[in-house]
Amino acid sequence: MKITAGESTLMFDEKINTIYLAGSMRLANMREYEVVKKFIRQAYDKTENVLIIDFRKLIFLNSSGITTISMFILAVKKLNKAKINILGSKKVSWQEKSLKNFNKLWNEVKIEIE
């Protein structure tokens, strides 16, 4: 599965349960993020144990994007079906600070910043 959202690309590799995000995600509002929310949820629904979300090549994510990911985490926390692992990069300044907050929403979210 693969989609384009603004200047960003999301790809899901079902074989390794990994969503790759790349580019710059600057969608205008929460309504525009619905396609992202739907894509991530579909990937989660196809995952049994752990869904990996790889942000390392995502240069920018605005507050609406962070809110979208946060709402996704809160929704799947209630299901408690598959865990979430998040990969980030120290080379992308916003990731180390912002991605760690997802663990505060659900302590089962594992954060790895390389």
PDB file of N, CA and C in Angstrom:
ATOM      1  N   MET A   1       0.854  -1.180   0.000  1.00  0.00           N
ATOM      2  CA  MET A   1       0.000   0.000   0.000  1.00  0.00           C
ATOM      3  C   MET A   1       0.892   1.233   0.000  1.00  0.00           C
ATOM      4  N   LYS A   2       0.453   2.251  -0.730  1.00  0.00           N
ATOM      5  CA  LYS A   2       1.224   3.481  -0.797  1.00  0.00           C
ATOM      6  C   LYS A   2       0.275   4.636  -1.115  1.00  0.00           C
ATOM      7  N   ILE A   3       0.482   5.775  -0.439  1.00  0.00           N
ATOM      8  CA  ILE A   3      -0.289   6.979  -0.746  1.00  0.00           C
ATOM      9  C   ILE A   3       0.639   8.191  -0.713  1.00  0.00           C
ATOM     10  N   THR A   4       0.168   9.251  -1.344  1.00  0.00           N
ATOM     11  CA  THR A   4       0.829  10.539  -1.267  1.00  0.00           C
ATOM     12  C   THR A   4      -0.109  11.483  -0.538  1.00  0.00           C
ATOM     13  N   ALA A   5       0.439  12.233   0.409  1.00  0.00           N
ATOM     14  CA  ALA A   5      -0.343  13.210   1.163  1.00  0.00           C
ATOM     15  C   ALA A   5       0.436  14.519   1.151  1.00  0.00           C
ATOM     16  N   GLY A   6       0.012  15.446   0.327  1.00  0.00           N
ATOM     17  CA  GLY A   6       0.756  16.692   0.173  1.00  0.00           C
ATOM     18  C   GLY A   6       2.130  16.402  -0.399  1.00  0.00           C
ATOM     19  N   GLU A   7       3.152  16.833   0.303  1.00  0.00           N
ATOM     20  CA  GLU A   7       4.533  16.622  -0.124  1.00  0.00           C
ATOM     21  C   GLU A   7       5.166  15.411   0.555  1.00  0.00           C
ATOM     22  N   SER A   8       4.336  14.513   1.050  1.00  0.00           N
ATOM     23  CA  SER A   8       4.854  13.337   1.751  1.00  0.00           C
ATOM     24  C   SER A   8       4.318  12.054   1.119  1.00  0.00           C
ATOM     25  N   THR A   9       5.025  10.974   1.413  1.00  0.00           N
ATOM     26  CA  THR A   9       4.634   9.653   0.936  1.00  0.00           C
ATOM     27  C   THR A   9       4.556   8.720   2.124  1.00  0.00           C
ATOM     28  N   LEU A  10       3.529   7.883   2.143  1.00  0.00           N
ATOM     29  CA  LEU A  10       3.392   6.838   3.151  1.00  0.00           C
ATOM     30  C   LEU A  10       3.341   5.509   2.416  1.00  0.00           C
ATOM     31  N   MET A  11       4.169   4.565   2.861  1.00  0.00           N
ATOM     32  CA  MET A  11       4.175   3.246   2.252  1.00  0.00           C
ATOM     33  C   MET A  11       4.116   2.206   3.357  1.00  0.00           C
ATOM     34  N   PHE A  12       3.294   1.175   3.160  1.00  0.00           N
ATOM     35  CA  PHE A  12       3.187   0.097   4.131  1.00  0.00           C
ATOM     36  C   PHE A  12       3.726  -1.174   3.515  1.00  0.00           C
ATOM     37  N   ASP A  13       4.729  -1.748   4.168  1.00  0.00           N
ATOM     38  CA  ASP A  13       5.294  -3.032   3.759  1.00  0.00           C
ATOM     39  C   ASP A  13       4.668  -4.095   4.657  1.00  0.00           C
ATOM     40  N   GLU A  14       3.711  -4.831   4.100  1.00  0.00           N
ATOM     41  CA  GLU A  14       2.973  -5.828   4.883  1.00  0.00           C
ATOM     42  C   GLU A  14       3.848  -6.968   5.362  1.00  0.00           C
ATOM     43  N   LYS A  15       4.907  -7.275   4.628  1.00  0.00           N
ATOM     44  CA  LYS A  15       5.774  -8.399   4.996  1.00  0.00           C
ATOM     45  C   LYS A  15       6.485  -8.157   6.323  1.00  0.00           C
ATOM     46  N   ILE A  16       6.800  -6.902   6.607  1.00  0.00           N
ATOM     47  CA  ILE A  16       7.517  -6.591   7.850  1.00  0.00           C
ATOM     48  C   ILE A  16       6.732  -5.632   8.747  1.00  0.00           C
ATOM     49  N   ASN A  17       5.429  -5.457   8.444  1.00  0.00           N
ATOM     50  CA  ASN A  17       4.535  -4.628   9.267  1.00  0.00           C
ATOM     51  C   ASN A  17       5.116  -3.245   9.553  1.00  0.00           C
ATOM     52  N   THR A  18       5.600  -2.594   8.497  1.00  0.00           N
ATOM     53  CA  THR A  18       6.249  -1.296   8.677  1.00  0.00           C
ATOM     54  C   THR A  18       5.639  -0.244   7.760  1.00  0.00           C
ATOM     55  N   ILE A  19       5.296   0.899   8.363  1.00  0.00           N
ATOM     56  CA  ILE A  19       4.874   2.076   7.604  1.00  0.00           C
ATOM     57  C   ILE A  19       6.086   2.996   7.508  1.00  0.00           C
ATOM     58  N   TYR A  20       6.421   3.395   6.297  1.00  0.00           N
ATOM     59  CA  TYR A  20       7.510   4.351   6.060  1.00  0.00           C
ATOM     60  C   TYR A  20       6.891   5.690   5.680  1.00  0.00           C
ATOM     61  N   LEU A  21       7.317   6.741   6.378  1.00  0.00           N
ATOM     62  CA  LEU A  21       6.872   8.092   6.052  1.00  0.00           C
ATOM     63  C   LEU A  21       8.085   8.862   5.534  1.00  0.00           C
ATOM     64  N   ALA A  22       7.889   9.621   4.465  1.00  0.00           N
ATOM     65  CA  ALA A  22       9.000  10.382   3.884  1.00  0.00           C
ATOM     66  C   ALA A  22       8.480  11.713   3.357  1.00  0.00           C
ATOM     67  N   GLY A  23       9.366  12.677   3.309  1.00  0.00           N
ATOM     68  CA  GLY A  23       9.020  13.990   2.773  1.00  0.00           C
ATOM     69  C   GLY A  23       8.652  14.972   3.863  1.00  0.00           C
ATOM     70  N   SER A  24       7.712  15.841   3.531  1.00  0.00           N
ATOM     71  CA  SER A  24       7.258  16.874   4.447  1.00  0.00           C
ATOM     72  C   SER A  24       5.733  16.845   4.491  1.00  0.00           C
ATOM     73  N   MET A  25       5.180  16.591   5.672  1.00  0.00           N
ATOM     74  CA  MET A  25       3.730  16.456   5.818  1.00  0.00           C
ATOM     75  C   MET A  25       3.173  17.738   6.436  1.00  0.00           C
ATOM     76  N   ARG A  26       2.656  18.609   5.569  1.00  0.00           N
ATOM     77  CA  ARG A  26       2.124  19.910   5.986  1.00  0.00           C
ATOM     78  C   ARG A  26       0.689  20.080   5.496  1.00  0.00           C
ATOM     79  N   LEU A  27      -0.157  19.148   5.775  1.00  0.00           N
ATOM     80  CA  LEU A  27      -1.539  19.253   5.325  1.00  0.00           C
ATOM     81  C   LEU A  27      -2.240  20.360   6.114  1.00  0.00           C
ATOM     82  N   ALA A  28      -3.236  20.971   5.497  1.00  0.00           N
ATOM     83  CA  ALA A  28      -3.822  22.202   6.028  1.00  0.00           C
ATOM     84  C   ALA A  28      -4.625  22.033   7.313  1.00  0.00           C
ATOM     85  N   ASN A  29      -5.329  20.901   7.456  1.00  0.00           N
ATOM     86  CA  ASN A  29      -6.210  20.767   8.622  1.00  0.00           C
ATOM     87  C   ASN A  29      -6.498  19.296   8.883  1.00  0.00           C
ATOM     88  N   MET A  30      -7.255  19.045   9.941  1.00  0.00           N
ATOM     89  CA  MET A  30      -7.541  17.666  10.336  1.00  0.00           C
ATOM     90  C   MET A  30      -8.318  16.914   9.251  1.00  0.00           C
ATOM     91  N   ARG A  31      -9.168  17.593   8.523  1.00  0.00           N
ATOM     92  CA  ARG A  31      -9.932  16.931   7.461  1.00  0.00           C
ATOM     93  C   ARG A  31      -8.994  16.395   6.384  1.00  0.00           C
ATOM     94  N   GLU A  32      -7.963  17.151   6.048  1.00  0.00           N
ATOM     95  CA  GLU A  32      -7.009  16.687   5.048  1.00  0.00           C
ATOM     96  C   GLU A  32      -6.191  15.502   5.561  1.00  0.00           C
ATOM     97  N   TYR A  33      -6.063  15.375   6.868  1.00  0.00           N
ATOM     98  CA  TYR A  33      -5.322  14.253   7.451  1.00  0.00           C
ATOM     99  C   TYR A  33      -6.147  12.969   7.523  1.00  0.00           C
ATOM    100  N   GLU A  34      -7.415  13.013   7.162  1.00  0.00           N
ATOM    101  CA  GLU A  34      -8.252  11.814   7.200  1.00  0.00           C
ATOM    102  C   GLU A  34      -7.663  10.682   6.353  1.00  0.00           C
ATOM    103  N   VAL A  35      -7.089  11.013   5.198  1.00  0.00           N
ATOM    104  CA  VAL A  35      -6.500   9.985   4.334  1.00  0.00           C
ATOM    105  C   VAL A  35      -5.301   9.321   5.028  1.00  0.00           C
ATOM    106  N   VAL A  36      -4.537  10.104   5.777  1.00  0.00           N
ATOM    107  CA  VAL A  36      -3.396   9.571   6.530  1.00  0.00           C
ATOM    108  C   VAL A  36      -3.903   8.678   7.656  1.00  0.00           C
ATOM    109  N   LYS A  37      -4.888   9.166   8.376  1.00  0.00           N
ATOM    110  CA  LYS A  37      -5.475   8.402   9.476  1.00  0.00           C
ATOM    111  C   LYS A  37      -6.015   7.065   8.979  1.00  0.00           C
ATOM    112  N   LYS A  38      -6.733   7.085   7.868  1.00  0.00           N
ATOM    113  CA  LYS A  38      -7.300   5.866   7.295  1.00  0.00           C
ATOM    114  C   LYS A  38      -6.195   4.901   6.864  1.00  0.00           C
ATOM    115  N   PHE A  39      -5.146   5.415   6.242  1.00  0.00           N
ATOM    116  CA  PHE A  39      -4.035   4.584   5.775  1.00  0.00           C
ATOM    117  C   PHE A  39      -3.354   3.879   6.953  1.00  0.00           C
ATOM    118  N   ILE A  40      -3.047   4.634   7.998  1.00  0.00           N
ATOM    119  CA  ILE A  40      -2.367   4.066   9.162  1.00  0.00           C
ATOM    120  C   ILE A  40      -3.260   3.036   9.855  1.00  0.00           C
ATOM    121  N   ARG A  41      -4.530   3.321   9.939  1.00  0.00           N
ATOM    122  CA  ARG A  41      -5.450   2.382  10.583  1.00  0.00           C
ATOM    123  C   ARG A  41      -5.571   1.088   9.773  1.00  0.00           C
ATOM    124  N   GLN A  42      -5.609   1.194   8.441  1.00  0.00           N
ATOM    125  CA  GLN A  42      -5.664  -0.008   7.607  1.00  0.00           C
ATOM    126  C   GLN A  42      -4.414  -0.855   7.796  1.00  0.00           C
ATOM    127  N   ALA A  43      -3.264  -0.207   7.907  1.00  0.00           N
ATOM    128  CA  ALA A  43      -2.022  -0.943   8.149  1.00  0.00           C
ATOM    129  C   ALA A  43      -2.079  -1.631   9.503  1.00  0.00           C
ATOM    130  N   TYR A  44      -2.564  -0.929  10.514  1.00  0.00           N
ATOM    131  CA  TYR A  44      -2.686  -1.518  11.850  1.00  0.00           C
ATOM    132  C   TYR A  44      -3.613  -2.735  11.830  1.00  0.00           C
ATOM    133  N   ASP A  45      -4.715  -2.611  11.122  1.00  0.00           N
ATOM    134  CA  ASP A  45      -5.687  -3.705  11.066  1.00  0.00           C
ATOM    135  C   ASP A  45      -5.118  -4.947  10.395  1.00  0.00           C
ATOM    136  N   LYS A  46      -4.102  -4.788   9.557  1.00  0.00           N
ATOM    137  CA  LYS A  46      -3.458  -5.926   8.893  1.00  0.00           C
ATOM    138  C   LYS A  46      -2.306  -6.500   9.717  1.00  0.00           C
ATOM    139  N   THR A  47      -2.033  -5.890  10.858  1.00  0.00           N
ATOM    140  CA  THR A  47      -0.904  -6.269  11.695  1.00  0.00           C
ATOM    141  C   THR A  47      -1.380  -7.064  12.899  1.00  0.00           C
ATOM    142  N   GLU A  48      -0.654  -8.133  13.228  1.00  0.00           N
ATOM    143  CA  GLU A  48      -1.059  -8.952  14.372  1.00  0.00           C
ATOM    144  C   GLU A  48      -0.263  -8.663  15.640  1.00  0.00           C
ATOM    145  N   ASN A  49       1.043  -8.459  15.549  1.00  0.00           N
ATOM    146  CA  ASN A  49       1.857  -8.310  16.752  1.00  0.00           C
ATOM    147  C   ASN A  49       2.366  -6.884  16.979  1.00  0.00           C
ATOM    148  N   VAL A  50       3.183  -6.389  16.055  1.00  0.00           N
ATOM    149  CA  VAL A  50       3.792  -5.075  16.217  1.00  0.00           C
ATOM    150  C   VAL A  50       3.745  -4.325  14.891  1.00  0.00           C
ATOM    151  N   LEU A  51       3.226  -3.097  14.926  1.00  0.00           N
ATOM    152  CA  LEU A  51       3.272  -2.204  13.774  1.00  0.00           C
ATOM    153  C   LEU A  51       4.416  -1.228  13.993  1.00  0.00           C
ATOM    154  N   ILE A  52       5.315  -1.158  13.037  1.00  0.00           N
ATOM    155  CA  ILE A  52       6.430  -0.217  13.096  1.00  0.00           C
ATOM    156  C   ILE A  52       6.072   0.991  12.241  1.00  0.00           C
ATOM    157  N   ILE A  53       6.226   2.178  12.804  1.00  0.00           N
ATOM    158  CA  ILE A  53       6.018   3.411  12.050  1.00  0.00           C
ATOM    159  C   ILE A  53       7.369   4.114  11.989  1.00  0.00           C
ATOM    160  N   ASP A  54       7.922   4.199  10.792  1.00  0.00           N
ATOM    161  CA  ASP A  54       9.272   4.729  10.580  1.00  0.00           C
ATOM    162  C   ASP A  54       9.189   6.180  10.091  1.00  0.00           C
ATOM    163  N   PHE A  55       9.516   7.104  10.994  1.00  0.00           N
ATOM    164  CA  PHE A  55       9.481   8.537  10.705  1.00  0.00           C
ATOM    165  C   PHE A  55      10.833   9.072  10.232  1.00  0.00           C
ATOM    166  N   ARG A  56      11.856   8.252  10.171  1.00  0.00           N
ATOM    167  CA  ARG A  56      13.221   8.737   9.973  1.00  0.00           C
ATOM    168  C   ARG A  56      13.418   9.599   8.734  1.00  0.00           C
ATOM    169  N   LYS A  57      12.621   9.406   7.699  1.00  0.00           N
ATOM    170  CA  LYS A  57      12.775  10.203   6.478  1.00  0.00           C
ATOM    171  C   LYS A  57      11.687  11.269   6.337  1.00  0.00           C
ATOM    172  N   LEU A  58      10.937  11.488   7.418  1.00  0.00           N
ATOM    173  CA  LEU A  58       9.925  12.538   7.413  1.00  0.00           C
ATOM    174  C   LEU A  58      10.559  13.810   7.989  1.00  0.00           C
ATOM    175  N   ILE A  59      10.787  14.764   7.142  1.00  0.00           N
ATOM    176  CA  ILE A  59      11.500  15.983   7.522  1.00  0.00           C
ATOM    177  C   ILE A  59      10.651  16.887   8.402  1.00  0.00           C
ATOM    178  N   PHE A  60       9.352  16.944   8.119  1.00  0.00           N
ATOM    179  CA  PHE A  60       8.477  17.850   8.853  1.00  0.00           C
ATOM    180  C   PHE A  60       7.106  17.216   9.049  1.00  0.00           C
ATOM    181  N   LEU A  61       6.532  17.422  10.219  1.00  0.00           N
ATOM    182  CA  LEU A  61       5.173  17.002  10.535  1.00  0.00           C
ATOM    183  C   LEU A  61       4.548  18.111  11.369  1.00  0.00           C
ATOM    184  N   ASN A  62       3.479  18.719  10.859  1.00  0.00           N
ATOM    185  CA  ASN A  62       2.872  19.836  11.593  1.00  0.00           C
ATOM    186  C   ASN A  62       2.001  19.342  12.749  1.00  0.00           C
ATOM    187  N   SER A  63       1.438  20.279  13.486  1.00  0.00           N
ATOM    188  CA  SER A  63       0.681  19.922  14.693  1.00  0.00           C
ATOM    189  C   SER A  63      -0.557  19.096  14.365  1.00  0.00           C
ATOM    190  N   SER A  64      -1.186  19.331  13.230  1.00  0.00           N
ATOM    191  CA  SER A  64      -2.342  18.511  12.848  1.00  0.00           C
ATOM    192  C   SER A  64      -1.923  17.073  12.592  1.00  0.00           C
ATOM    193  N   GLY A  65      -0.733  16.892  12.051  1.00  0.00           N
ATOM    194  CA  GLY A  65      -0.211  15.541  11.829  1.00  0.00           C
ATOM    195  C   GLY A  65       0.098  14.838  13.133  1.00  0.00           C
ATOM    196  N   ILE A  66       0.697  15.560  14.064  1.00  0.00           N
ATOM    197  CA  ILE A  66       0.997  14.984  15.375  1.00  0.00           C
ATOM    198  C   ILE A  66      -0.307  14.621  16.086  1.00  0.00           C
ATOM    199  N   THR A  67      -1.311  15.472  15.969  1.00  0.00           N
ATOM    200  CA  THR A  67      -2.613  15.183  16.561  1.00  0.00           C
ATOM    201  C   THR A  67      -3.232  13.940  15.933  1.00  0.00           C
ATOM    202  N   THR A  68      -3.109  13.786  14.622  1.00  0.00           N
ATOM    203  CA  THR A  68      -3.639  12.613  13.920  1.00  0.00           C
ATOM    204  C   THR A  68      -2.991  11.333  14.429  1.00  0.00           C
ATOM    205  N   ILE A  69      -1.675  11.338  14.561  1.00  0.00           N
ATOM    206  CA  ILE A  69      -0.964  10.154  15.064  1.00  0.00           C
ATOM    207  C   ILE A  69      -1.360   9.891  16.520  1.00  0.00           C
ATOM    208  N   SER A  70      -1.489  10.950  17.299  1.00  0.00           N
ATOM    209  CA  SER A  70      -1.886  10.804  18.704  1.00  0.00           C
ATOM    210  C   SER A  70      -3.270  10.178  18.825  1.00  0.00           C
ATOM    211  N   MET A  71      -4.206  10.631  18.004  1.00  0.00           N
ATOM    212  CA  MET A  71      -5.556  10.084  18.039  1.00  0.00           C
ATOM    213  C   MET A  71      -5.560   8.621  17.607  1.00  0.00           C
ATOM    214  N   PHE A  72      -4.727   8.273  16.638  1.00  0.00           N
ATOM    215  CA  PHE A  72      -4.597   6.879  16.212  1.00  0.00           C
ATOM    216  C   PHE A  72      -4.098   6.021  17.374  1.00  0.00           C
ATOM    217  N   ILE A  73      -3.067   6.484  18.071  1.00  0.00           N
ATOM    218  CA  ILE A  73      -2.504   5.722  19.185  1.00  0.00           C
ATOM    219  C   ILE A  73      -3.543   5.529  20.281  1.00  0.00           C
ATOM    220  N   LEU A  74      -4.283   6.565  20.599  1.00  0.00           N
ATOM    221  CA  LEU A  74      -5.313   6.440  21.629  1.00  0.00           C
ATOM    222  C   LEU A  74      -6.411   5.466  21.209  1.00  0.00           C
ATOM    223  N   ALA A  75      -6.750   5.455  19.927  1.00  0.00           N
ATOM    224  CA  ALA A  75      -7.791   4.537  19.441  1.00  0.00           C
ATOM    225  C   ALA A  75      -7.336   3.085  19.520  1.00  0.00           C
ATOM    226  N   VAL A  76      -6.092   2.806  19.112  1.00  0.00           N
ATOM    227  CA  VAL A  76      -5.637   1.413  19.123  1.00  0.00           C
ATOM    228  C   VAL A  76      -5.239   0.952  20.516  1.00  0.00           C
ATOM    229  N   LYS A  77      -4.951   1.883  21.387  1.00  0.00           N
ATOM    230  CA  LYS A  77      -4.680   1.519  22.786  1.00  0.00           C
ATOM    231  C   LYS A  77      -5.887   0.789  23.368  1.00  0.00           C
ATOM    232  N   LYS A  78      -7.069   1.252  23.038  1.00  0.00           N
ATOM    233  CA  LYS A  78      -8.298   0.628  23.533  1.00  0.00           C
ATOM    234  C   LYS A  78      -8.451  -0.792  22.997  1.00  0.00           C
ATOM    235  N   LEU A  79      -7.977  -1.024  21.768  1.00  0.00           N
ATOM    236  CA  LEU A  79      -8.069  -2.355  21.164  1.00  0.00           C
ATOM    237  C   LEU A  79      -7.047  -3.310  21.757  1.00  0.00           C
ATOM    238  N   ASN A  80      -5.865  -2.776  22.074  1.00  0.00           N
ATOM    239  CA  ASN A  80      -4.753  -3.550  22.632  1.00  0.00           C
ATOM    240  C   ASN A  80      -4.480  -4.816  21.815  1.00  0.00           C
ATOM    241  N   LYS A  81      -4.556  -4.690  20.489  1.00  0.00           N
ATOM    242  CA  LYS A  81      -4.338  -5.824  19.588  1.00  0.00           C
ATOM    243  C   LYS A  81      -2.855  -5.971  19.251  1.00  0.00           C
ATOM    244  N   ALA A  82      -2.299  -4.954  18.618  1.00  0.00           N
ATOM    245  CA  ALA A  82      -0.887  -4.968  18.235  1.00  0.00           C
ATOM    246  C   ALA A  82      -0.191  -3.779  18.886  1.00  0.00           C
ATOM    247  N   LYS A  83       1.050  -3.958  19.224  1.00  0.00           N
ATOM    248  CA  LYS A  83       1.846  -2.882  19.807  1.00  0.00           C
ATOM    249  C   LYS A  83       2.342  -1.959  18.693  1.00  0.00           C
ATOM    250  N   ILE A  84       2.852  -0.807  19.080  1.00  0.00           N
ATOM    251  CA  ILE A  84       3.377   0.177  18.140  1.00  0.00           C
ATOM    252  C   ILE A  84       4.844   0.435  18.472  1.00  0.00           C
ATOM    253  N   ASN A  85       5.700   0.332  17.464  1.00  0.00           N
ATOM    254  CA  ASN A  85       7.101   0.746  17.578  1.00  0.00           C
ATOM    255  C   ASN A  85       7.299   1.931  16.654  1.00  0.00           C
ATOM    256  N   ILE A  86       7.930   2.979  17.162  1.00  0.00           N
ATOM    257  CA  ILE A  86       8.170   4.178  16.379  1.00  0.00           C
ATOM    258  C   ILE A  86       9.669   4.381  16.228  1.00  0.00           C
ATOM    259  N   LEU A  87      10.089   4.586  14.982  1.00  0.00           N
ATOM    260  CA  LEU A  87      11.494   4.836  14.676  1.00  0.00           C
ATOM    261  C   LEU A  87      11.660   6.294  14.279  1.00  0.00           C
ATOM    262  N   GLY A  88      12.663   6.942  14.870  1.00  0.00           N
ATOM    263  CA  GLY A  88      12.952   8.334  14.545  1.00  0.00           C
ATOM    264  C   GLY A  88      14.437   8.535  14.369  1.00  0.00           C
ATOM    265  N   SER A  89      14.793   9.738  13.966  1.00  0.00           N
ATOM    266  CA  SER A  89      16.191  10.075  13.704  1.00  0.00           C
ATOM    267  C   SER A  89      16.607  11.320  14.477  1.00  0.00           C
ATOM    268  N   LYS A  90      17.788  11.269  15.085  1.00  0.00           N
ATOM    269  CA  LYS A  90      18.340  12.450  15.745  1.00  0.00           C
ATOM    270  C   LYS A  90      18.708  13.525  14.728  1.00  0.00           C
ATOM    271  N   LYS A  91      18.864  13.126  13.475  1.00  0.00           N
ATOM    272  CA  LYS A  91      19.237  14.066  12.415  1.00  0.00           C
ATOM    273  C   LYS A  91      18.088  14.990  12.025  1.00  0.00           C
ATOM    274  N   VAL A  92      16.863  14.615  12.396  1.00  0.00           N
ATOM    275  CA  VAL A  92      15.689  15.442  12.107  1.00  0.00           C
ATOM    276  C   VAL A  92      15.254  16.068  13.430  1.00  0.00           C
ATOM    277  N   SER A  93      15.487  17.369  13.562  1.00  0.00           N
ATOM    278  CA  SER A  93      15.424  18.041  14.863  1.00  0.00           C
ATOM    279  C   SER A  93      14.125  17.837  15.645  1.00  0.00           C
ATOM    280  N   TRP A  94      12.983  17.820  15.035  1.00  0.00           N
ATOM    281  CA  TRP A  94      11.721  17.731  15.763  1.00  0.00           C
ATOM    282  C   TRP A  94      11.446  16.336  16.308  1.00  0.00           C
ATOM    283  N   GLN A  95      12.056  15.323  15.732  1.00  0.00           N
ATOM    284  CA  GLN A  95      11.662  13.952  16.051  1.00  0.00           C
ATOM    285  C   GLN A  95      11.994  13.511  17.464  1.00  0.00           C
ATOM    286  N   GLU A  96      13.175  13.809  17.942  1.00  0.00           N
ATOM    287  CA  GLU A  96      13.564  13.322  19.270  1.00  0.00           C
ATOM    288  C   GLU A  96      12.609  13.826  20.346  1.00  0.00           C
ATOM    289  N   LYS A  97      12.244  15.093  20.272  1.00  0.00           N
ATOM    290  CA  LYS A  97      11.356  15.669  21.280  1.00  0.00           C
ATOM    291  C   LYS A  97       9.903  15.221  21.076  1.00  0.00           C
ATOM    292  N   SER A  98       9.411  15.314  19.872  1.00  0.00           N
ATOM    293  CA  SER A  98       7.986  15.077  19.612  1.00  0.00           C
ATOM    294  C   SER A  98       7.590  13.605  19.640  1.00  0.00           C
ATOM    295  N   LEU A  99       8.411  12.737  19.072  1.00  0.00           N
ATOM    296  CA  LEU A  99       8.035  11.326  18.996  1.00  0.00           C
ATOM    297  C   LEU A  99       7.961  10.672  20.373  1.00  0.00           C
ATOM    298  N   LYS A 100       8.778  11.118  21.300  1.00  0.00           N
ATOM    299  CA  LYS A 100       8.758  10.547  22.648  1.00  0.00           C
ATOM    300  C   LYS A 100       7.419  10.762  23.344  1.00  0.00           C
ATOM    301  N   ASN A 101       6.685  11.788  22.936  1.00  0.00           N
ATOM    302  CA  ASN A 101       5.387  12.064  23.560  1.00  0.00           C
ATOM    303  C   ASN A 101       4.353  10.989  23.269  1.00  0.00           C
ATOM    304  N   PHE A 102       4.519  10.241  22.186  1.00  0.00           N
ATOM    305  CA  PHE A 102       3.563   9.176  21.877  1.00  0.00           C
ATOM    306  C   PHE A 102       3.581   8.085  22.947  1.00  0.00           C
ATOM    307  N   ASN A 103       4.720   7.885  23.588  1.00  0.00           N
ATOM    308  CA  ASN A 103       4.812   6.903  24.662  1.00  0.00           C
ATOM    309  C   ASN A 103       4.016   7.341  25.890  1.00  0.00           C
ATOM    310  N   LYS A 104       3.824   8.636  26.046  1.00  0.00           N
ATOM    311  CA  LYS A 104       3.024   9.138  27.164  1.00  0.00           C
ATOM    312  C   LYS A 104       1.544   8.832  26.969  1.00  0.00           C
ATOM    313  N   LEU A 105       1.133   8.658  25.719  1.00  0.00           N
ATOM    314  CA  LEU A 105      -0.263   8.324  25.428  1.00  0.00           C
ATOM    315  C   LEU A 105      -0.564   6.862  25.707  1.00  0.00           C
ATOM    316  N   TRP A 106       0.439   6.008  25.434  1.00  0.00           N
ATOM    317  CA  TRP A 106       0.306   4.571  25.664  1.00  0.00           C
ATOM    318  C   TRP A 106       1.689   4.032  25.960  1.00  0.00           C
ATOM    319  N   ASN A 107       1.891   3.559  27.167  1.00  0.00           N
ATOM    320  CA  ASN A 107       3.235   3.122  27.575  1.00  0.00           C
ATOM    321  C   ASN A 107       3.718   1.888  26.820  1.00  0.00           C
ATOM    322  N   GLU A 108       2.865   1.262  26.028  1.00  0.00           N
ATOM    323  CA  GLU A 108       3.276   0.116  25.197  1.00  0.00           C
ATOM    324  C   GLU A 108       3.919   0.562  23.876  1.00  0.00           C
ATOM    325  N   VAL A 109       3.873   1.867  23.595  1.00  0.00           N
ATOM    326  CA  VAL A 109       4.515   2.388  22.390  1.00  0.00           C
ATOM    327  C   VAL A 109       6.016   2.459  22.646  1.00  0.00           C
ATOM    328  N   LYS A 110       6.772   1.774  21.813  1.00  0.00           N
ATOM    329  CA  LYS A 110       8.230   1.752  21.950  1.00  0.00           C
ATOM    330  C   LYS A 110       8.822   2.780  20.988  1.00  0.00           C
ATOM    331  N   ILE A 111       9.688   3.638  21.509  1.00  0.00           N
ATOM    332  CA  ILE A 111      10.300   4.693  20.719  1.00  0.00           C
ATOM    333  C   ILE A 111      11.792   4.407  20.576  1.00  0.00           C
ATOM    334  N   GLU A 112      12.283   4.428  19.339  1.00  0.00           N
ATOM    335  CA  GLU A 112      13.712   4.265  19.077  1.00  0.00           C
ATOM    336  C   GLU A 112      14.174   5.447  18.235  1.00  0.00           C
ATOM    337  N   ILE A 113      15.042   6.263  18.811  1.00  0.00           N
ATOM    338  CA  ILE A 113      15.614   7.398  18.084  1.00  0.00           C
ATOM    339  C   ILE A 113      17.072   7.088  17.800  1.00  0.00           C
ATOM    340  N   GLU A 114      17.419   7.017  16.522  1.00  0.00           N
ATOM    341  CA  GLU A 114      18.787   6.660  16.121  1.00  0.00           C
ATOM    342  C   GLU A 114      19.561   7.871  15.655  1.00  0.00           C
TER     343      GLU A 114
END
